[in-house]
């Protein structure tokens, strides 16, 4: 039985607003219920032009940083680029390194080891960059709170570029560019780490009177999608045009990675990146070292690109196997809890930091409860938290700041470092905070459905209209449909049995459908179902067919 509540959007008014003339009723319905009710809003959404972008100089600290960078360029100074180990950080690092190389500036890229160094700025690494001759260090997606105050070398100017939520007390550094800072006048605060890096490059090139190379946008698209950035506003513009560049990329590493992942770049969309390319790029930082992904993105050698892509493919396979193994151990710990607390914490010494976020995310998704997965590692414990819309996990960590060595994140995702001896107290306090906020609520995962349709409504013409809504993802989700009382005329398991392929019929029309990761619900797939799904175009061997990707289903109530 599905645990989800289905919420179907309101129907359009009887009279179709004039601005929707020329649109199919289904598309008009989707656009209307997403608040696109004026000509201006509709035009901005569909044209995805420069009106969605803003002047980078509106970002706090940008003026000061551009001046300092131009001085470094003029003086031939060596610049260190210190990036995070996820795809957002790696793409931001690659973008900054390649942009400075285009300006003739020498750089030293540095990405910390997830296990040995952890999140945030590592002062030992800063000193090593200083010893190599770097007089300016630019961080990329490393957080704005996780910097040790008062220990930075005085002969290095540290510039922080970041998109995480700042705490009330910001450490000392030369300058910070972050759209969430209280002084920010930037109209779109949802840029990712690579988005902020791009705006810095945009400002520098504008000051020098130089044009930006389109290839930088493909890195912005990769990092923004991988970091589940909101695909609205300026991100919508950056990702849309970045995907255009990516589909015809000349980057050897991306061509090799797509080949290994069996992804057709010429047709790739945000979903394809999120499910195929991003996990492989992230696998390096999770399993070994993210410099593998950095080298893949920056190499000009087809031979090296192929070698690195195969390494990432192997790491991703290891990542999947380890995730499943640790998830099983996590549920073993959860099953011992009675009663179940309002926030779950699972972990142990065998929980690899690169996998903790995945474990926490799966638990939060499957049980609809805030979850933390952590690694016990001697004196210190590192944890990754994932939450639900009703609970701001970073705000909860703010209330525990006195217990934490480092922390940072967003509303529904965060990371932290704590002395192991304080872990029980942290658990107690977080459970108490969650209990106060969530106990009185009726927590039930909700699937928002755009419209109920018949199978006969599903056509290639409709699919062409749906493509106009891309890129879809966080903040601009793919349209979700509901079809009632459809007949299951055939079904069979796929792969290891965790997925199911079905043929569904209604009114003489038969459509192909796939229920990913729902093989455990095989016995619930009765003769007649109500199904909730997204419509996708399935391309295989030159042929294109429509496919219903089932999100949820129930037995039809007669």
Protein backbone atom coordinates (compact mmCIF):
# COMPACT_ATOMS: atom_id res chain seq x y z
CA UNK A 1 0.00 0.00 0.00
CA UNK A 2 1.38 3.38 -0.98
CA UNK A 3 2.25 5.63 2.00
CA UNK A 4 1.95 8.76 -0.12
CA UNK A 5 -0.80 11.32 -0.20
CA UNK A 6 -1.80 12.39 -3.72
CA UNK A 7 -2.55 16.05 -4.25
CA UNK A 8 -4.05 16.94 -7.63
CA UNK A 9 -3.70 20.59 -8.67
CA UNK A 10 -6.79 22.71 -9.09
CA UNK A 11 -8.54 22.70 -12.44
CA UNK A 12 -8.27 25.68 -14.78
CA UNK A 13 -11.07 28.24 -14.76
CA UNK A 14 -13.91 27.50 -17.20
CA UNK A 15 -12.62 30.19 -19.55
CA UNK A 16 -9.05 29.62 -20.63
CA UNK A 17 -7.07 32.84 -20.02
CA UNK A 18 -6.22 34.55 -23.31
CA UNK A 19 -2.47 34.30 -22.67
CA UNK A 20 -2.73 30.53 -23.12
CA UNK A 21 -4.14 30.71 -26.65
CA UNK A 22 -2.13 28.33 -28.81
CA UNK A 23 -1.22 26.02 -25.94
CA UNK A 24 -2.72 22.58 -25.48
CA UNK A 25 -5.20 22.45 -22.55
CA UNK A 26 -2.87 20.14 -20.61
CA UNK A 27 0.15 22.46 -20.96
CA UNK A 28 -1.99 25.52 -20.20
CA UNK A 29 -3.16 23.78 -17.04
CA UNK A 30 0.43 23.05 -15.95
CA UNK A 31 1.63 26.60 -16.62
CA UNK A 32 -1.36 28.19 -14.89
CA UNK A 33 -0.93 26.13 -11.74
CA UNK A 34 2.75 27.05 -11.56
CA UNK A 35 1.81 30.68 -11.21
CA UNK A 36 2.60 31.72 -14.78
CA UNK A 37 -0.52 33.83 -15.16
CA UNK A 38 0.82 36.96 -16.88
CA UNK A 39 2.26 37.45 -20.35
CA UNK A 40 5.52 38.73 -18.89
CA UNK A 41 5.95 35.73 -16.55
CA UNK A 42 5.08 33.30 -19.33
CA UNK A 43 7.50 34.95 -21.79
CA UNK A 44 10.35 34.97 -19.27
CA UNK A 45 9.78 31.32 -18.39
CA UNK A 46 9.60 30.04 -21.96
CA UNK A 47 12.21 32.21 -23.69
CA UNK A 48 14.87 31.70 -20.98
CA UNK A 49 16.80 34.78 -22.04
CA UNK A 50 19.27 37.14 -20.37
CA UNK A 51 16.48 38.85 -18.45
CA UNK A 52 16.86 36.02 -15.93
CA UNK A 53 20.46 37.00 -15.14
CA UNK A 54 21.79 39.74 -12.88
CA UNK A 55 24.85 41.96 -12.64
CA UNK A 56 27.59 40.03 -10.77
CA UNK A 57 28.66 43.27 -9.08
CA UNK A 58 25.47 43.07 -7.00
CA UNK A 59 27.00 40.16 -5.11
CA UNK A 60 28.63 41.26 -1.83
CA UNK A 61 32.40 41.43 -2.00
CA UNK A 62 32.53 41.20 -5.80
CA UNK A 63 33.99 44.69 -6.37
CA UNK A 64 36.77 44.07 -3.86
CA UNK A 65 37.54 40.61 -5.24
CA UNK A 66 37.66 41.72 -8.89
CA UNK A 67 40.09 44.51 -7.98
CA UNK A 68 42.31 42.06 -6.11
CA UNK A 69 42.24 39.48 -8.90
CA UNK A 70 43.07 42.05 -11.57
CA UNK A 71 46.04 43.13 -9.45
CA UNK A 72 47.13 39.49 -9.24
CA UNK A 73 46.78 39.12 -13.01
CA UNK A 74 48.85 42.25 -13.62
CA UNK A 75 51.54 41.13 -11.16
CA UNK A 76 51.74 37.52 -12.39
CA UNK A 77 50.82 36.23 -8.94
CA UNK A 78 50.19 32.54 -8.40
CA UNK A 79 46.56 31.80 -7.45
CA UNK A 80 45.42 28.76 -5.50
CA UNK A 81 41.97 27.34 -6.23
CA UNK A 82 40.65 25.38 -3.25
CA UNK A 83 37.53 23.42 -4.23
CA UNK A 84 35.14 21.04 -2.52
CA UNK A 85 35.08 17.35 -3.43
CA UNK A 86 31.51 17.09 -4.72
CA UNK A 87 30.57 17.75 -8.36
CA UNK A 88 29.56 21.34 -7.59
CA UNK A 89 32.97 22.03 -6.09
CA UNK A 90 34.90 20.11 -8.75
CA UNK A 91 33.17 21.89 -11.64
CA UNK A 92 33.71 25.25 -9.91
CA UNK A 93 37.39 24.44 -9.49
CA UNK A 94 37.73 23.39 -13.14
CA UNK A 95 35.93 26.53 -14.29
CA UNK A 96 38.15 28.88 -12.28
CA UNK A 97 41.36 27.12 -13.28
CA UNK A 98 40.51 27.16 -16.99
CA UNK A 99 39.29 30.77 -16.91
CA UNK A 100 42.51 31.96 -15.28
CA UNK A 101 44.56 29.90 -17.69
CA UNK A 102 42.77 31.71 -20.53
CA UNK A 103 43.96 34.96 -18.94
CA UNK A 104 47.52 33.64 -18.76
CA UNK A 105 47.43 33.30 -14.96
CA UNK A 106 49.09 30.30 -13.29
CA UNK A 107 46.98 28.42 -10.76
CA UNK A 108 47.38 25.56 -8.29
CA UNK A 109 44.17 23.53 -7.98
CA UNK A 110 43.58 21.82 -4.64
CA UNK A 111 40.72 19.55 -3.59
CA UNK A 112 40.90 17.98 -0.11
CA UNK A 113 40.54 14.27 0.59
CA UNK A 114 37.07 13.65 2.02
CA UNK A 115 38.18 11.16 4.70
CA UNK A 116 41.62 12.48 5.61
CA UNK A 117 40.79 16.20 5.53
CA UNK A 118 37.01 16.50 5.52
CA UNK A 119 34.77 19.42 4.55
CA UNK A 120 35.78 23.04 4.72
CA UNK A 121 39.09 24.82 4.59
CA UNK A 122 42.11 22.89 5.82
CA UNK A 123 44.66 25.29 7.24
CA UNK A 124 47.51 22.83 6.64
CA UNK A 125 46.56 22.78 2.95
CA UNK A 126 46.41 26.58 2.88
CA UNK A 127 49.95 26.70 4.25
CA UNK A 128 51.09 24.23 1.59
CA UNK A 129 49.59 26.41 -1.12
CA UNK A 130 51.31 29.42 0.44
CA UNK A 131 54.61 27.53 0.49
CA UNK A 132 54.16 26.81 -3.25
CA UNK A 133 54.02 30.55 -3.84
CA UNK A 134 50.29 31.28 -3.85
CA UNK A 135 49.53 34.81 -2.65
CA UNK A 136 45.80 34.56 -3.38
CA UNK A 137 43.59 31.56 -2.60
CA UNK A 138 40.02 31.33 -3.91
CA UNK A 139 37.72 28.77 -2.35
CA UNK A 140 34.93 27.14 -4.33
CA UNK A 141 31.94 25.60 -2.57
CA UNK A 142 33.87 24.89 0.66
CA UNK A 143 31.41 26.61 2.98
CA UNK A 144 31.47 30.03 4.58
CA UNK A 145 31.38 28.97 8.24
CA UNK A 146 33.89 26.10 8.33
CA UNK A 147 37.09 28.17 8.42
CA UNK A 148 39.35 28.30 11.44
CA UNK A 149 39.54 31.88 12.63
CA UNK A 150 42.80 33.57 13.44
CA UNK A 151 45.19 30.95 12.04
CA UNK A 152 45.37 31.92 8.39
CA UNK A 153 48.79 33.01 7.12
CA UNK A 154 48.93 36.81 6.90
CA UNK A 155 50.75 36.84 3.58
CA UNK A 156 47.87 35.13 1.72
CA UNK A 157 44.62 36.80 0.69
CA UNK A 158 41.80 34.29 1.15
CA UNK A 159 38.73 34.85 -1.04
CA UNK A 160 35.67 32.76 -0.25
CA UNK A 161 33.15 32.02 -3.02
CA UNK A 162 30.27 30.00 -1.66
CA UNK A 163 26.51 29.43 -1.67
CA UNK A 164 25.87 27.85 1.75
CA UNK A 165 23.92 29.61 4.48
CA UNK A 166 26.20 31.79 6.64
CA UNK A 167 26.09 31.76 10.43
CA UNK A 168 25.84 34.94 12.50
CA UNK A 169 29.60 35.05 12.98
CA UNK A 170 31.67 34.91 9.79
CA UNK A 171 35.39 34.07 10.09
CA UNK A 172 38.04 36.55 9.01
CA UNK A 173 39.22 36.47 5.40
CA UNK A 174 40.05 38.95 2.66
CA UNK A 175 36.56 38.89 1.11
CA UNK A 176 33.52 36.67 0.66
CA UNK A 177 31.12 36.33 -2.25
CA UNK A 178 27.88 34.74 -1.11
CA UNK A 179 24.36 35.74 -2.16
CA UNK A 180 23.01 34.76 1.28
CA UNK A 181 25.02 37.35 3.19
CA UNK A 182 22.86 40.02 4.88
CA UNK A 183 24.51 42.74 2.77
CA UNK A 184 23.63 41.02 -0.51
CA UNK A 185 21.52 42.88 -3.06
CA UNK A 186 21.62 40.01 -5.51
CA UNK A 187 18.09 39.19 -6.72
CA UNK A 188 18.61 35.43 -7.04
CA UNK A 189 20.19 33.83 -3.94
CA UNK A 190 19.95 30.22 -5.21
CA UNK A 191 23.15 30.11 -7.27
CA UNK A 192 25.23 27.00 -6.54
CA UNK A 193 28.97 26.99 -5.86
CA UNK A 194 29.81 26.72 -9.55
CA UNK A 195 27.24 29.43 -10.28
CA UNK A 196 29.01 31.82 -7.90
CA UNK A 197 32.37 30.91 -9.48
CA UNK A 198 30.91 31.66 -12.91
CA UNK A 199 29.67 35.09 -11.77
CA UNK A 200 33.18 35.89 -10.51
CA UNK A 201 34.68 34.95 -13.87
CA UNK A 202 31.94 36.91 -15.64
CA UNK A 203 32.79 40.04 -13.62
CA UNK A 204 36.55 39.69 -14.22
CA UNK A 205 36.15 39.16 -17.97
CA UNK A 206 33.71 42.09 -18.22
CA UNK A 207 36.21 44.37 -16.49
CA UNK A 208 38.87 43.25 -18.98
CA UNK A 209 36.50 43.66 -21.95
CA UNK A 210 36.74 39.98 -22.87
CA UNK A 211 34.01 37.59 -23.98
CA UNK A 212 33.27 34.46 -21.95
CA UNK A 213 33.78 31.11 -23.62
CA UNK A 214 30.48 29.13 -23.91
CA UNK A 215 32.26 25.98 -22.64
CA UNK A 216 32.16 27.36 -19.09
CA UNK A 217 28.37 27.06 -19.09
CA UNK A 218 28.47 23.26 -19.47
CA UNK A 219 30.39 23.12 -16.19
CA UNK A 220 27.79 25.36 -14.55
CA UNK A 221 25.01 23.06 -15.77
CA UNK A 222 26.78 19.95 -14.47
CA UNK A 223 27.47 21.39 -11.03
CA UNK A 224 24.07 23.03 -10.58
CA UNK A 225 22.14 19.88 -11.47
CA UNK A 226 24.42 17.65 -9.38
CA UNK A 227 23.95 19.91 -6.34
CA UNK A 228 20.16 19.83 -6.83
CA UNK A 229 20.13 23.59 -7.31
CA UNK A 230 16.79 25.26 -7.90
CA UNK A 231 16.16 25.30 -11.66
CA UNK A 232 14.36 28.62 -11.50
CA UNK A 233 15.47 32.18 -12.16
CA UNK A 234 19.09 32.60 -13.18
CA UNK A 235 19.86 28.91 -12.64
CA UNK A 236 17.24 28.11 -15.28
CA UNK A 237 19.09 30.32 -17.75
CA UNK A 238 22.54 28.94 -16.88
CA UNK A 239 21.48 25.29 -17.01
CA UNK A 240 19.41 25.67 -20.19
CA UNK A 241 22.26 27.24 -22.13
CA UNK A 242 24.82 25.00 -20.44
CA UNK A 243 22.95 21.94 -21.66
CA UNK A 244 23.02 23.35 -25.19
CA UNK A 245 26.82 23.52 -24.97
CA UNK A 246 27.08 20.10 -23.33
CA UNK A 247 25.10 18.41 -26.11
CA UNK A 248 27.87 19.34 -28.56
CA UNK A 249 30.76 19.39 -26.10
CA UNK A 250 34.36 19.29 -27.23
CA UNK A 251 35.48 18.35 -23.72
CA UNK A 252 37.23 14.96 -24.05
CA UNK A 253 36.36 13.89 -20.51
CA UNK A 254 32.63 14.46 -20.85
CA UNK A 255 32.52 12.61 -24.16
CA UNK A 256 34.34 9.66 -22.59
CA UNK A 257 32.17 9.66 -19.48
CA UNK A 258 28.97 9.75 -21.51
CA UNK A 259 30.24 6.86 -23.63
CA UNK A 260 31.03 4.73 -20.58
CA UNK A 261 27.68 5.62 -18.98
CA UNK A 262 25.84 4.93 -22.26
CA UNK A 263 24.35 8.41 -22.32
CA UNK A 264 23.56 10.12 -25.62
CA UNK A 265 24.96 13.61 -25.14
CA UNK A 266 23.09 15.03 -28.11
CA UNK A 267 19.81 14.32 -26.30
CA UNK A 268 20.89 14.69 -22.66
CA UNK A 269 18.67 16.64 -20.27
CA UNK A 270 18.83 17.57 -16.59
CA UNK A 271 17.45 14.19 -15.55
CA UNK A 272 20.07 12.36 -17.61
CA UNK A 273 22.83 14.31 -15.90
CA UNK A 274 21.33 13.81 -12.46
CA UNK A 275 20.95 10.05 -12.82
CA UNK A 276 23.92 9.12 -15.00
CA UNK A 277 26.76 11.64 -15.19
CA UNK A 278 26.61 13.28 -11.73
CA UNK A 279 26.82 10.05 -9.71
CA UNK A 280 29.94 9.04 -11.62
CA UNK A 281 31.58 12.43 -11.14
CA UNK A 282 30.67 12.34 -7.44
CA UNK A 283 31.95 8.78 -7.04
CA UNK A 284 35.60 9.88 -7.05
CA UNK A 285 35.21 12.11 -4.00
CA UNK A 286 33.09 9.52 -2.23
CA UNK A 287 35.33 6.50 -2.79
CA UNK A 288 38.89 7.82 -3.38
CA UNK A 289 39.86 11.35 -4.42
CA UNK A 290 37.90 13.98 -6.37
CA UNK A 291 40.99 15.01 -8.35
CA UNK A 292 40.13 12.11 -10.66
CA UNK A 293 36.96 13.95 -11.70
CA UNK A 294 38.84 17.26 -11.93
CA UNK A 295 41.39 15.70 -14.28
CA UNK A 296 38.59 14.19 -16.36
CA UNK A 297 36.97 17.60 -16.81
CA UNK A 298 40.20 19.36 -17.73
CA UNK A 299 42.14 16.85 -19.85
CA UNK A 300 42.64 17.38 -23.57
CA UNK A 301 43.71 13.77 -24.14
CA UNK A 302 41.12 11.31 -25.43
CA UNK A 303 43.25 8.43 -24.15
CA UNK A 304 43.52 9.84 -20.63
CA UNK A 305 39.83 10.75 -20.67
CA UNK A 306 38.87 7.17 -21.48
CA UNK A 307 41.10 5.83 -18.69
CA UNK A 308 39.66 8.27 -16.14
CA UNK A 309 36.07 7.60 -17.22
CA UNK A 310 36.57 3.86 -16.69
CA UNK A 311 38.02 4.55 -13.25
CA UNK A 312 34.94 6.60 -12.37
CA UNK A 313 32.65 3.86 -13.66
CA UNK A 314 34.37 1.34 -11.40
CA UNK A 315 34.19 3.70 -8.40
CA UNK A 316 30.50 4.28 -9.02
CA UNK A 317 29.84 0.55 -8.99
CA UNK A 318 31.72 0.28 -5.68
CA UNK A 319 29.70 3.22 -4.38
CA UNK A 320 26.38 1.56 -5.22
CA UNK A 321 27.37 -1.72 -3.56
CA UNK A 322 28.66 0.00 -0.43
CA UNK A 323 25.56 2.18 -0.18
CA UNK A 324 23.30 -0.88 -0.21
CA UNK A 325 25.47 -2.63 2.39
CA UNK A 326 25.54 0.34 4.77
CA UNK A 327 21.84 0.99 4.26
CA UNK A 328 21.14 -2.55 5.42
CA UNK A 329 23.24 -1.95 8.55
CA UNK A 330 21.50 1.36 9.14
CA UNK A 331 18.06 -0.26 9.06
CA UNK A 332 19.35 -2.88 11.48
CA UNK A 333 20.04 -0.05 13.94
CA UNK A 334 16.69 1.59 13.24
CA UNK A 335 14.76 -1.62 13.80
CA UNK A 336 16.20 -1.78 17.33
CA UNK A 337 14.61 1.59 18.21
CA UNK A 338 11.32 1.55 20.08
CA UNK A 339 9.72 3.99 19.95
CA UNK A 340 11.08 5.64 16.81
CA UNK A 341 12.43 9.15 17.58
CA UNK A 342 11.51 12.21 15.51
CA UNK A 343 15.05 12.30 14.08
CA UNK A 344 17.16 9.27 13.26
CA UNK A 345 20.93 8.97 13.76
CA UNK A 346 22.71 5.88 12.45
CA UNK A 347 26.35 5.10 11.88
CA UNK A 348 29.56 3.55 13.10
CA UNK A 349 33.26 3.29 12.25
CA UNK A 350 32.51 1.38 9.02
CA UNK A 351 30.32 4.16 7.59
CA UNK A 352 32.45 5.84 4.90
CA UNK A 353 31.96 9.65 4.96
CA UNK A 354 31.38 9.69 1.20
CA UNK A 355 28.44 7.34 1.59
CA UNK A 356 26.87 8.81 4.73
CA UNK A 357 24.90 11.44 2.82
CA UNK A 358 23.48 8.81 0.48
CA UNK A 359 22.42 6.61 3.40
CA UNK A 360 20.81 9.53 5.23
CA UNK A 361 19.05 10.61 2.03
CA UNK A 362 17.58 7.17 1.39
CA UNK A 363 16.32 6.89 4.98
CA UNK A 364 14.78 10.37 4.91
CA UNK A 365 13.08 9.55 1.61
CA UNK A 366 11.85 6.08 2.54
CA UNK A 367 10.73 6.79 6.12
CA UNK A 368 9.92 10.49 5.67
CA UNK A 369 11.89 11.53 8.73
CA UNK A 370 15.02 13.68 9.27
CA UNK A 371 18.04 11.39 9.21
CA UNK A 372 21.74 11.63 10.03
CA UNK A 373 24.38 9.10 9.07
CA UNK A 374 27.77 9.43 10.74
CA UNK A 375 31.23 7.90 10.93
CA UNK A 376 32.90 7.29 14.28
CA UNK A 377 36.57 8.00 13.71
CA UNK A 378 38.48 8.17 16.96
CA UNK A 379 38.43 11.62 18.55
CA UNK A 380 36.02 13.10 16.02
CA UNK A 381 32.80 12.04 14.32
CA UNK A 382 31.64 13.42 10.97
CA UNK A 383 28.02 13.29 9.91
CA UNK A 384 25.76 14.02 6.96
CA UNK A 385 22.15 15.05 7.52
CA UNK A 386 19.17 14.93 5.18
CA UNK A 387 15.75 16.23 6.10
CA UNK A 388 12.14 16.69 5.03
CA UNK A 389 10.47 19.99 4.06
CA UNK A 390 8.90 20.36 7.51
CA UNK A 391 12.26 20.45 9.34
CA UNK A 392 15.19 22.82 8.74
CA UNK A 393 18.19 20.68 9.62
CA UNK A 394 20.73 23.50 9.37
CA UNK A 395 18.65 25.65 11.75
CA UNK A 396 18.62 22.69 14.14
CA UNK A 397 22.43 22.48 13.94
CA UNK A 398 22.56 26.23 14.65
CA UNK A 399 20.97 25.45 18.01
CA UNK A 400 23.74 22.92 18.67
CA UNK A 401 26.64 25.09 17.47
CA UNK A 402 28.26 25.01 20.93
CA UNK A 403 28.76 21.24 20.52
CA UNK A 404 30.12 21.29 16.98
CA UNK A 405 33.62 21.74 15.60
CA UNK A 406 32.32 22.55 12.10
CA UNK A 407 28.99 22.51 10.32
CA UNK A 408 27.10 24.02 7.41
CA UNK A 409 24.47 23.34 4.82
CA UNK A 410 20.99 24.12 3.59
CA UNK A 411 17.40 23.68 4.71
CA UNK A 412 17.28 19.94 3.95
CA UNK A 413 20.95 18.94 3.77
CA UNK A 414 23.91 19.59 6.03
CA UNK A 415 27.20 18.21 7.30
CA UNK A 416 29.01 18.52 10.60
CA UNK A 417 32.03 17.51 12.67
CA UNK A 418 31.75 16.85 16.40
CA UNK A 419 33.99 15.51 19.14
CA UNK A 420 33.00 11.87 19.53
CA UNK A 421 32.50 12.27 23.26
CA UNK A 422 29.81 14.89 22.58
CA UNK A 423 27.90 12.74 20.06
CA UNK A 424 25.37 11.38 22.63
CA UNK A 425 24.53 14.92 23.77
CA UNK A 426 24.21 16.07 20.14
CA UNK A 427 21.85 13.17 19.43
CA UNK A 428 19.77 14.01 22.51
CA UNK A 429 19.51 17.68 21.64
CA UNK A 430 18.66 17.14 17.95
CA UNK A 431 16.00 14.55 18.83
CA UNK A 432 14.50 17.03 21.29
CA UNK A 433 14.47 19.84 18.70
CA UNK A 434 12.88 17.57 16.09
CA UNK A 435 10.31 16.26 18.58
CA UNK A 436 9.19 19.77 19.52
CA UNK A 437 8.77 20.78 15.88
CA UNK A 438 7.36 17.58 14.37
CA UNK A 439 5.37 15.63 16.98
CA UNK A 440 2.19 17.68 16.52
CA UNK A 441 2.36 17.47 12.70
CA UNK A 442 0.80 14.83 10.50
CA UNK A 443 3.87 13.81 8.54
CA UNK A 444 2.89 12.26 5.26
CA UNK A 445 4.89 12.44 2.03
CA UNK A 446 2.87 14.19 -0.65
CA UNK A 447 3.05 13.73 -4.40
CA UNK A 448 1.91 16.85 -6.25
CA UNK A 449 0.05 15.92 -9.43
CA UNK A 450 -0.37 18.44 -12.23
CA UNK A 451 -3.33 16.88 -13.98
CA UNK A 452 -5.43 13.76 -14.39
CA UNK A 453 -5.28 12.55 -17.98
CA UNK A 454 -6.29 9.54 -20.07
CA UNK A 455 -3.76 7.37 -21.86
CA UNK A 456 -5.17 8.62 -25.14
CA UNK A 457 -3.97 12.13 -24.17
CA UNK A 458 -0.36 10.95 -24.15
CA UNK A 459 1.10 11.80 -27.54
CA UNK A 460 4.28 12.92 -29.22
CA UNK A 461 2.69 16.38 -29.63
CA UNK A 462 2.24 16.57 -25.85
CA UNK A 463 5.85 15.47 -25.37
CA UNK A 464 7.03 18.28 -27.65
CA UNK A 465 5.17 20.78 -25.48
CA UNK A 466 6.63 19.27 -22.31
CA UNK A 467 10.15 19.75 -23.65
CA UNK A 468 9.49 23.51 -23.58
CA UNK A 469 9.28 23.32 -19.78
CA UNK A 470 12.86 22.01 -19.52
CA UNK A 471 15.23 22.12 -17.79
CA UNK A 472 13.23 20.41 -15.06
CA UNK A 473 14.37 19.53 -11.58
CA UNK A 474 14.36 21.17 -8.17
CA UNK A 475 11.97 24.12 -8.12
CA UNK A 476 10.73 23.34 -11.63
CA UNK A 477 9.77 19.70 -11.39
CA UNK A 478 8.81 17.56 -14.33
CA UNK A 479 5.03 17.48 -14.83
CA UNK A 480 3.34 14.64 -12.97
CA UNK A 481 0.18 12.99 -14.32
CA UNK A 482 -2.49 10.69 -12.93
CA UNK A 483 -4.37 8.09 -14.97
CA UNK A 484 -7.19 6.19 -13.31
CA UNK A 485 -8.48 2.67 -13.79
CA UNK A 486 -5.86 1.49 -16.29
CA UNK A 487 -5.56 -2.22 -17.00
CA UNK A 488 -2.27 -4.09 -16.54
CA UNK A 489 -2.08 -6.24 -19.64
CA UNK A 490 1.52 -7.37 -19.11
CA UNK A 491 4.34 -6.98 -16.59
CA UNK A 492 7.78 -8.44 -16.01
CA UNK A 493 10.73 -7.78 -13.76
CA UNK A 494 13.82 -5.98 -15.03
CA UNK A 495 17.48 -6.46 -14.14
CA UNK A 496 17.89 -7.78 -10.62
CA UNK A 497 14.13 -7.67 -10.07
CA UNK A 498 14.03 -4.29 -8.37
CA UNK A 499 12.35 -2.65 -11.41
CA UNK A 500 9.17 -3.61 -13.26
CA UNK A 501 8.17 -3.00 -16.88
CA UNK A 502 4.43 -2.90 -17.58
CA UNK A 503 2.00 -2.52 -20.45
CA UNK A 504 -1.04 -0.49 -19.47
CA UNK A 505 -4.29 -0.20 -21.42
CA UNK A 506 -7.17 2.23 -21.26
CA UNK A 507 -9.89 2.70 -23.86
CA UNK A 508 -8.07 0.60 -26.44
CA UNK A 509 -4.80 2.56 -26.04
CA UNK A 510 -1.75 0.71 -24.72
CA UNK A 511 1.31 2.46 -23.28
CA UNK A 512 4.67 1.24 -22.00
CA UNK A 513 5.49 1.98 -18.36
CA UNK A 514 8.40 1.38 -16.00
CA UNK A 515 8.25 1.31 -12.20
CA UNK A 516 11.83 1.88 -11.05
CA UNK A 517 12.81 0.53 -7.60
CA UNK A 518 9.29 -0.77 -7.03
CA UNK A 519 9.84 -4.46 -7.60
CA UNK A 520 9.07 -5.07 -3.91
CA UNK A 521 5.49 -3.99 -4.67
CA UNK A 522 4.97 -6.73 -7.26
CA UNK A 523 2.02 -8.25 -5.39
CA UNK A 524 0.27 -4.85 -5.30
CA UNK A 525 0.21 -4.66 -9.10
CA UNK A 526 -3.33 -5.90 -9.54
CA UNK A 527 -5.33 -5.98 -12.79
CA UNK A 528 -6.60 -2.39 -12.54
CA UNK A 529 -4.51 0.45 -11.15
CA UNK A 530 -4.50 4.20 -10.63
CA UNK A 531 -1.00 5.33 -11.60
CA UNK A 532 1.00 8.51 -10.99
CA UNK A 533 3.85 9.06 -13.43
CA UNK A 534 6.08 11.30 -15.49
CA UNK A 535 6.07 11.06 -19.26
CA UNK A 536 9.42 10.48 -20.93
CA UNK A 537 10.66 10.01 -24.46
CA UNK A 538 12.59 6.76 -24.68
CA UNK A 539 15.19 6.69 -27.46
CA UNK A 540 16.70 3.37 -28.39
CA UNK A 541 18.52 2.37 -31.60
CA UNK A 542 17.18 5.33 -33.54
CA UNK A 543 13.57 4.81 -32.46
CA UNK A 544 11.62 7.10 -30.16
CA UNK A 545 8.69 5.92 -28.02
CA UNK A 546 6.72 7.38 -25.12
CA UNK A 547 7.27 5.83 -21.72
CA UNK A 548 5.39 6.34 -18.46
CA UNK A 549 7.83 6.44 -15.54
CA UNK A 550 5.67 5.37 -12.63
CA UNK A 551 6.18 7.24 -9.35
CA UNK A 552 3.37 5.60 -7.40
CA UNK A 553 0.26 3.47 -7.89
CA UNK A 554 -2.77 2.09 -6.09
CA UNK A 555 -5.33 -0.56 -6.78
CA UNK A 556 -8.34 1.05 -8.44
CA UNK A 557 -11.27 1.45 -6.05
CA UNK A 558 -14.47 0.39 -7.78
